[in-house]
Amino acid sequence: MAQDLYCWRCDKVMPMLTEEEWAAMEPVLSQAIERVQRHRAATGSDLVEALQACRNEALDFYERLTGFHESNANALWHHRLSLYGPACTGCGKPLRTPQASFCPACGAKRSELASGKG
């Protein structure tokens, strides 16, 4: 089940997909891109026209999974729980990546976080 977590790119708490949910979501996102590309090739339309013409099932699928209505399909690519690191013990926000060396919100270094000094 999706977990609410602060998203650095969106600058707000968003439902983040588990790996099981992502395994179902990724093909839907990829198919949406392929549909837009095929539409553009067939009609010669620009990207804006193609996006308007092609309903994005990925947005609908994300809403069914999470209950949250997202309007930007590109945002779905980074609403994946495994892309983020653990919560900062200083401020509680997730580290930007599992490999992050510091928390950009409060400045605590990863070694301080691990030892409880942050």
N, C-alpha and C. Protein backbone atom coordinates (compact mmCIF):
# COMPACT_ATOMS: atom_id res chain seq x y z
N MET A 1 0.83 -1.17 0.00
CA MET A 1 0.00 0.00 0.00
C MET A 1 0.89 1.25 0.00
N ALA A 2 0.52 2.23 -0.79
CA ALA A 2 1.30 3.46 -0.91
C ALA A 2 1.49 4.09 0.47
N GLN A 3 2.64 4.76 0.62
CA GLN A 3 2.97 5.40 1.89
C GLN A 3 3.14 6.90 1.64
N ASP A 4 2.52 7.71 2.46
CA ASP A 4 2.67 9.16 2.34
C ASP A 4 4.07 9.56 2.80
N LEU A 5 4.75 10.33 1.95
CA LEU A 5 6.13 10.73 2.22
C LEU A 5 6.38 12.07 1.55
N TYR A 6 7.21 12.89 2.17
CA TYR A 6 7.56 14.18 1.58
C TYR A 6 8.30 13.96 0.27
N CYS A 7 7.85 14.64 -0.78
CA CYS A 7 8.49 14.58 -2.09
C CYS A 7 9.28 15.87 -2.30
N TRP A 8 10.57 15.74 -2.51
CA TRP A 8 11.43 16.91 -2.69
C TRP A 8 11.08 17.68 -3.94
N ARG A 9 10.72 17.00 -5.00
CA ARG A 9 10.42 17.68 -6.27
C ARG A 9 9.08 18.41 -6.21
N CYS A 10 8.09 17.80 -5.58
CA CYS A 10 6.76 18.41 -5.49
C CYS A 10 6.66 19.38 -4.31
N ASP A 11 7.59 19.29 -3.38
CA ASP A 11 7.63 20.11 -2.17
C ASP A 11 6.37 19.93 -1.31
N LYS A 12 5.91 18.68 -1.24
CA LYS A 12 4.77 18.36 -0.38
C LYS A 12 4.71 16.85 -0.16
N VAL A 13 3.92 16.45 0.79
CA VAL A 13 3.74 15.03 1.08
C VAL A 13 2.88 14.42 -0.03
N MET A 14 3.36 13.30 -0.57
CA MET A 14 2.68 12.62 -1.67
C MET A 14 2.62 11.12 -1.39
N PRO A 15 1.65 10.42 -1.97
CA PRO A 15 1.63 8.96 -1.85
C PRO A 15 2.76 8.36 -2.70
N MET A 16 3.65 7.62 -2.05
CA MET A 16 4.77 6.96 -2.73
C MET A 16 4.45 5.48 -2.90
N LEU A 17 4.70 4.97 -4.08
CA LEU A 17 4.36 3.59 -4.41
C LEU A 17 5.40 2.61 -3.87
N THR A 18 4.91 1.48 -3.39
CA THR A 18 5.79 0.38 -2.99
C THR A 18 6.34 -0.27 -4.26
N GLU A 19 7.30 -1.15 -4.11
CA GLU A 19 7.86 -1.84 -5.29
C GLU A 19 6.81 -2.70 -5.98
N GLU A 20 5.93 -3.31 -5.21
CA GLU A 20 4.85 -4.11 -5.80
C GLU A 20 3.93 -3.22 -6.65
N GLU A 21 3.56 -2.07 -6.10
CA GLU A 21 2.72 -1.13 -6.85
C GLU A 21 3.47 -0.58 -8.06
N TRP A 22 4.77 -0.29 -7.88
CA TRP A 22 5.56 0.24 -8.98
C TRP A 22 5.66 -0.77 -10.13
N ALA A 23 5.75 -2.04 -9.79
CA ALA A 23 5.83 -3.08 -10.82
C ALA A 23 4.58 -3.06 -11.70
N ALA A 24 3.45 -2.67 -11.15
CA ALA A 24 2.22 -2.55 -11.93
C ALA A 24 2.14 -1.20 -12.64
N MET A 25 2.67 -0.14 -12.02
CA MET A 25 2.58 1.21 -12.57
C MET A 25 3.53 1.46 -13.74
N GLU A 26 4.75 0.98 -13.65
CA GLU A 26 5.76 1.29 -14.66
C GLU A 26 5.34 0.92 -16.08
N PRO A 27 4.76 -0.26 -16.30
CA PRO A 27 4.33 -0.58 -17.67
C PRO A 27 3.22 0.36 -18.16
N VAL A 28 2.35 0.79 -17.27
CA VAL A 28 1.27 1.71 -17.65
C VAL A 28 1.86 3.06 -18.07
N LEU A 29 2.86 3.54 -17.33
CA LEU A 29 3.54 4.79 -17.69
C LEU A 29 4.26 4.66 -19.03
N SER A 30 4.96 3.55 -19.22
CA SER A 30 5.69 3.34 -20.47
C SER A 30 4.74 3.25 -21.66
N GLN A 31 3.61 2.59 -21.48
CA GLN A 31 2.62 2.49 -22.55
C GLN A 31 2.04 3.85 -22.90
N ALA A 32 1.87 4.71 -21.90
CA ALA A 32 1.36 6.06 -22.16
C ALA A 32 2.33 6.84 -23.04
N ILE A 33 3.62 6.71 -22.77
CA ILE A 33 4.63 7.38 -23.59
C ILE A 33 4.59 6.84 -25.02
N GLU A 34 4.50 5.53 -25.15
CA GLU A 34 4.45 4.92 -26.48
C GLU A 34 3.21 5.37 -27.25
N ARG A 35 2.07 5.50 -26.56
CA ARG A 35 0.84 5.96 -27.22
C ARG A 35 1.01 7.38 -27.76
N VAL A 36 1.60 8.25 -26.97
CA VAL A 36 1.83 9.63 -27.40
C VAL A 36 2.78 9.65 -28.60
N GLN A 37 3.83 8.86 -28.55
CA GLN A 37 4.79 8.81 -29.67
C GLN A 37 4.12 8.30 -30.94
N ARG A 38 3.29 7.27 -30.82
CA ARG A 38 2.59 6.74 -32.00
C ARG A 38 1.62 7.78 -32.56
N HIS A 39 0.92 8.47 -31.68
CA HIS A 39 -0.03 9.50 -32.11
C HIS A 39 0.70 10.61 -32.87
N ARG A 40 1.83 11.04 -32.35
CA ARG A 40 2.59 12.10 -33.02
C ARG A 40 3.09 11.64 -34.39
N ALA A 41 3.56 10.40 -34.45
CA ALA A 41 4.06 9.88 -35.73
C ALA A 41 2.94 9.76 -36.75
N ALA A 42 1.77 9.35 -36.30
CA ALA A 42 0.64 9.14 -37.21
C ALA A 42 0.00 10.45 -37.66
N THR A 43 -0.01 11.44 -36.79
CA THR A 43 -0.74 12.68 -37.10
C THR A 43 0.15 13.88 -37.38
N GLY A 44 1.41 13.79 -37.01
CA GLY A 44 2.30 14.94 -37.16
C GLY A 44 2.03 16.04 -36.13
N SER A 45 1.27 15.72 -35.10
CA SER A 45 0.93 16.73 -34.09
C SER A 45 2.14 17.01 -33.19
N ASP A 46 2.09 18.17 -32.55
CA ASP A 46 3.15 18.49 -31.60
C ASP A 46 2.85 17.79 -30.27
N LEU A 47 3.78 17.92 -29.34
CA LEU A 47 3.65 17.19 -28.07
C LEU A 47 2.41 17.62 -27.29
N VAL A 48 2.14 18.91 -27.24
CA VAL A 48 0.97 19.39 -26.49
C VAL A 48 -0.32 18.80 -27.06
N GLU A 49 -0.46 18.81 -28.38
CA GLU A 49 -1.65 18.24 -29.01
C GLU A 49 -1.76 16.74 -28.74
N ALA A 50 -0.63 16.05 -28.83
CA ALA A 50 -0.64 14.60 -28.62
C ALA A 50 -1.01 14.26 -27.18
N LEU A 51 -0.49 15.02 -26.23
CA LEU A 51 -0.83 14.77 -24.83
C LEU A 51 -2.30 15.00 -24.56
N GLN A 52 -2.88 16.01 -25.20
CA GLN A 52 -4.30 16.28 -25.03
C GLN A 52 -5.16 15.19 -25.68
N ALA A 53 -4.70 14.65 -26.80
CA ALA A 53 -5.46 13.65 -27.53
C ALA A 53 -5.40 12.26 -26.88
N CYS A 54 -4.32 11.98 -26.19
CA CYS A 54 -4.12 10.65 -25.61
C CYS A 54 -4.42 10.67 -24.12
N ARG A 55 -5.49 10.02 -23.76
CA ARG A 55 -5.84 9.93 -22.33
C ARG A 55 -4.73 9.17 -21.61
N ASN A 56 -4.33 9.67 -20.48
CA ASN A 56 -3.24 9.04 -19.74
C ASN A 56 -3.80 8.11 -18.66
N GLU A 57 -3.84 6.83 -18.98
CA GLU A 57 -4.35 5.84 -18.04
C GLU A 57 -3.49 5.75 -16.79
N ALA A 58 -2.23 6.17 -16.89
CA ALA A 58 -1.34 6.10 -15.73
C ALA A 58 -1.86 6.98 -14.59
N LEU A 59 -2.39 8.15 -14.93
CA LEU A 59 -2.94 9.03 -13.90
C LEU A 59 -4.14 8.39 -13.22
N ASP A 60 -4.99 7.77 -14.02
CA ASP A 60 -6.16 7.07 -13.46
C ASP A 60 -5.72 5.90 -12.57
N PHE A 61 -4.72 5.16 -13.03
CA PHE A 61 -4.23 4.01 -12.28
C PHE A 61 -3.61 4.45 -10.95
N TYR A 62 -2.83 5.51 -10.96
CA TYR A 62 -2.23 6.05 -9.74
C TYR A 62 -3.32 6.46 -8.74
N GLU A 63 -4.37 7.08 -9.26
CA GLU A 63 -5.47 7.48 -8.38
C GLU A 63 -6.18 6.26 -7.78
N ARG A 64 -6.35 5.21 -8.57
CA ARG A 64 -6.96 3.99 -8.04
C ARG A 64 -6.08 3.36 -6.96
N LEU A 65 -4.77 3.40 -7.16
CA LEU A 65 -3.85 2.82 -6.18
C LEU A 65 -3.77 3.62 -4.89
N THR A 66 -3.78 4.95 -5.02
CA THR A 66 -3.46 5.81 -3.88
C THR A 66 -4.63 6.63 -3.34
N GLY A 67 -5.65 6.83 -4.17
CA GLY A 67 -6.74 7.72 -3.78
C GLY A 67 -6.42 9.18 -4.02
N PHE A 68 -5.23 9.48 -4.56
CA PHE A 68 -4.81 10.86 -4.81
C PHE A 68 -4.92 11.17 -6.30
N HIS A 69 -5.54 12.30 -6.63
CA HIS A 69 -5.66 12.72 -8.03
C HIS A 69 -4.44 13.55 -8.41
N GLU A 70 -3.57 12.96 -9.21
CA GLU A 70 -2.38 13.65 -9.73
C GLU A 70 -2.70 14.11 -11.14
N SER A 71 -2.26 15.30 -11.50
CA SER A 71 -2.53 15.82 -12.84
C SER A 71 -1.30 15.80 -13.73
N ASN A 72 -0.13 15.52 -13.18
CA ASN A 72 1.11 15.53 -13.94
C ASN A 72 1.67 14.11 -14.00
N ALA A 73 1.55 13.48 -15.15
CA ALA A 73 2.03 12.10 -15.29
C ALA A 73 3.53 11.99 -15.09
N ASN A 74 4.29 13.02 -15.43
CA ASN A 74 5.75 12.96 -15.24
C ASN A 74 6.12 12.85 -13.76
N ALA A 75 5.30 13.40 -12.88
CA ALA A 75 5.58 13.32 -11.44
C ALA A 75 5.53 11.88 -10.95
N LEU A 76 4.77 11.04 -11.61
CA LEU A 76 4.63 9.66 -11.16
C LEU A 76 5.95 8.90 -11.20
N TRP A 77 6.85 9.30 -12.07
CA TRP A 77 8.14 8.61 -12.18
C TRP A 77 8.96 8.71 -10.90
N HIS A 78 8.75 9.74 -10.09
CA HIS A 78 9.53 9.86 -8.85
C HIS A 78 8.68 9.67 -7.60
N HIS A 79 7.48 9.14 -7.75
CA HIS A 79 6.66 8.83 -6.58
C HIS A 79 6.77 7.33 -6.28
N ARG A 80 8.00 6.94 -6.06
CA ARG A 80 8.36 5.54 -5.81
C ARG A 80 9.16 5.49 -4.51
N LEU A 81 8.66 4.81 -3.55
CA LEU A 81 9.23 4.78 -2.21
C LEU A 81 10.72 4.42 -2.19
N SER A 82 11.13 3.48 -3.02
CA SER A 82 12.52 3.00 -2.98
C SER A 82 13.53 4.03 -3.49
N LEU A 83 13.07 5.11 -4.11
CA LEU A 83 13.99 6.15 -4.58
C LEU A 83 14.48 7.04 -3.44
N TYR A 84 13.80 7.00 -2.30
CA TYR A 84 14.11 7.89 -1.18
C TYR A 84 14.88 7.15 -0.10
N GLY A 85 15.61 7.92 0.69
CA GLY A 85 16.36 7.36 1.80
C GLY A 85 15.53 7.32 3.07
N PRO A 86 16.17 6.95 4.16
CA PRO A 86 15.45 6.90 5.44
C PRO A 86 15.08 8.30 5.92
N ALA A 87 14.20 8.36 6.88
CA ALA A 87 13.82 9.65 7.47
C ALA A 87 14.99 10.22 8.26
N CYS A 88 15.17 11.52 8.15
CA CYS A 88 16.19 12.21 8.93
C CYS A 88 15.76 12.19 10.40
N THR A 89 16.68 11.85 11.27
CA THR A 89 16.35 11.84 12.70
C THR A 89 16.28 13.25 13.26
N GLY A 90 16.80 14.22 12.50
CA GLY A 90 16.75 15.61 12.94
C GLY A 90 15.44 16.28 12.62
N CYS A 91 14.99 16.15 11.37
CA CYS A 91 13.79 16.89 10.95
C CYS A 91 12.65 15.99 10.48
N GLY A 92 12.93 14.72 10.24
CA GLY A 92 11.88 13.78 9.85
C GLY A 92 11.64 13.64 8.36
N LYS A 93 12.20 14.55 7.55
CA LYS A 93 12.01 14.42 6.11
C LYS A 93 12.89 13.28 5.59
N PRO A 94 12.45 12.64 4.51
CA PRO A 94 13.29 11.56 3.97
C PRO A 94 14.53 12.14 3.29
N LEU A 95 15.62 11.39 3.36
CA LEU A 95 16.78 11.78 2.58
C LEU A 95 16.42 11.64 1.11
N ARG A 96 17.05 12.43 0.26
CA ARG A 96 16.65 12.46 -1.16
C ARG A 96 16.89 11.14 -1.88
N THR A 97 17.90 10.40 -1.46
CA THR A 97 18.19 9.09 -2.05
C THR A 97 18.65 8.15 -0.93
N PRO A 98 18.64 6.85 -1.18
CA PRO A 98 19.17 5.93 -0.18
C PRO A 98 20.66 6.15 0.09
N GLN A 99 21.39 6.74 -0.87
CA GLN A 99 22.83 6.96 -0.73
C GLN A 99 23.18 8.37 -0.23
N ALA A 100 22.19 9.20 0.05
CA ALA A 100 22.44 10.60 0.42
C ALA A 100 23.39 10.70 1.61
N SER A 101 24.30 11.68 1.56
CA SER A 101 25.27 11.85 2.63
C SER A 101 24.82 12.88 3.67
N PHE A 102 23.78 13.65 3.35
CA PHE A 102 23.28 14.64 4.30
C PHE A 102 21.81 14.93 4.02
N CYS A 103 21.16 15.57 4.97
CA CYS A 103 19.77 15.97 4.83
C CYS A 103 19.75 17.42 4.33
N PRO A 104 19.19 17.67 3.15
CA PRO A 104 19.18 19.04 2.63
C PRO A 104 18.23 19.97 3.39
N ALA A 105 17.30 19.42 4.13
CA ALA A 105 16.35 20.25 4.86
C ALA A 105 16.98 20.87 6.11
N CYS A 106 17.72 20.06 6.87
CA CYS A 106 18.29 20.57 8.13
C CYS A 106 19.81 20.57 8.15
N GLY A 107 20.44 19.95 7.14
CA GLY A 107 21.89 19.96 7.03
C GLY A 107 22.60 18.86 7.79
N ALA A 108 21.88 18.00 8.48
CA ALA A 108 22.52 16.92 9.23
C ALA A 108 23.25 15.99 8.26
N LYS A 109 24.48 15.62 8.62
CA LYS A 109 25.26 14.69 7.79
C LYS A 109 24.81 13.27 8.08
N ARG A 110 24.97 12.41 7.11
CA ARG A 110 24.52 11.02 7.24
C ARG A 110 25.17 10.33 8.44
N SER A 111 26.47 10.56 8.68
CA SER A 111 27.13 9.93 9.82
C SER A 111 26.52 10.40 11.13
N GLU A 112 26.11 11.68 11.18
CA GLU A 112 25.45 12.20 12.38
C GLU A 112 24.08 11.57 12.54
N LEU A 113 23.40 11.35 11.41
CA LEU A 113 22.07 10.73 11.46
C LEU A 113 22.17 9.32 12.01
N ALA A 114 23.18 8.57 11.54
CA ALA A 114 23.33 7.18 11.95
C ALA A 114 23.71 7.07 13.43
N SER A 115 24.50 8.04 13.92
CA SER A 115 24.94 7.96 15.31
C SER A 115 24.02 8.68 16.28
N GLY A 116 22.99 9.36 15.73
CA GLY A 116 22.05 10.06 16.58
C GLY A 116 22.50 11.45 16.98
N LYS A 117 23.58 11.96 16.37
CA LYS A 117 24.09 13.29 16.70
C LYS A 117 23.34 14.39 15.96
N GLY A 118 22.59 14.03 14.89
CA GLY A 118 21.95 15.03 14.04
C GLY A 118 20.69 15.46 14.57
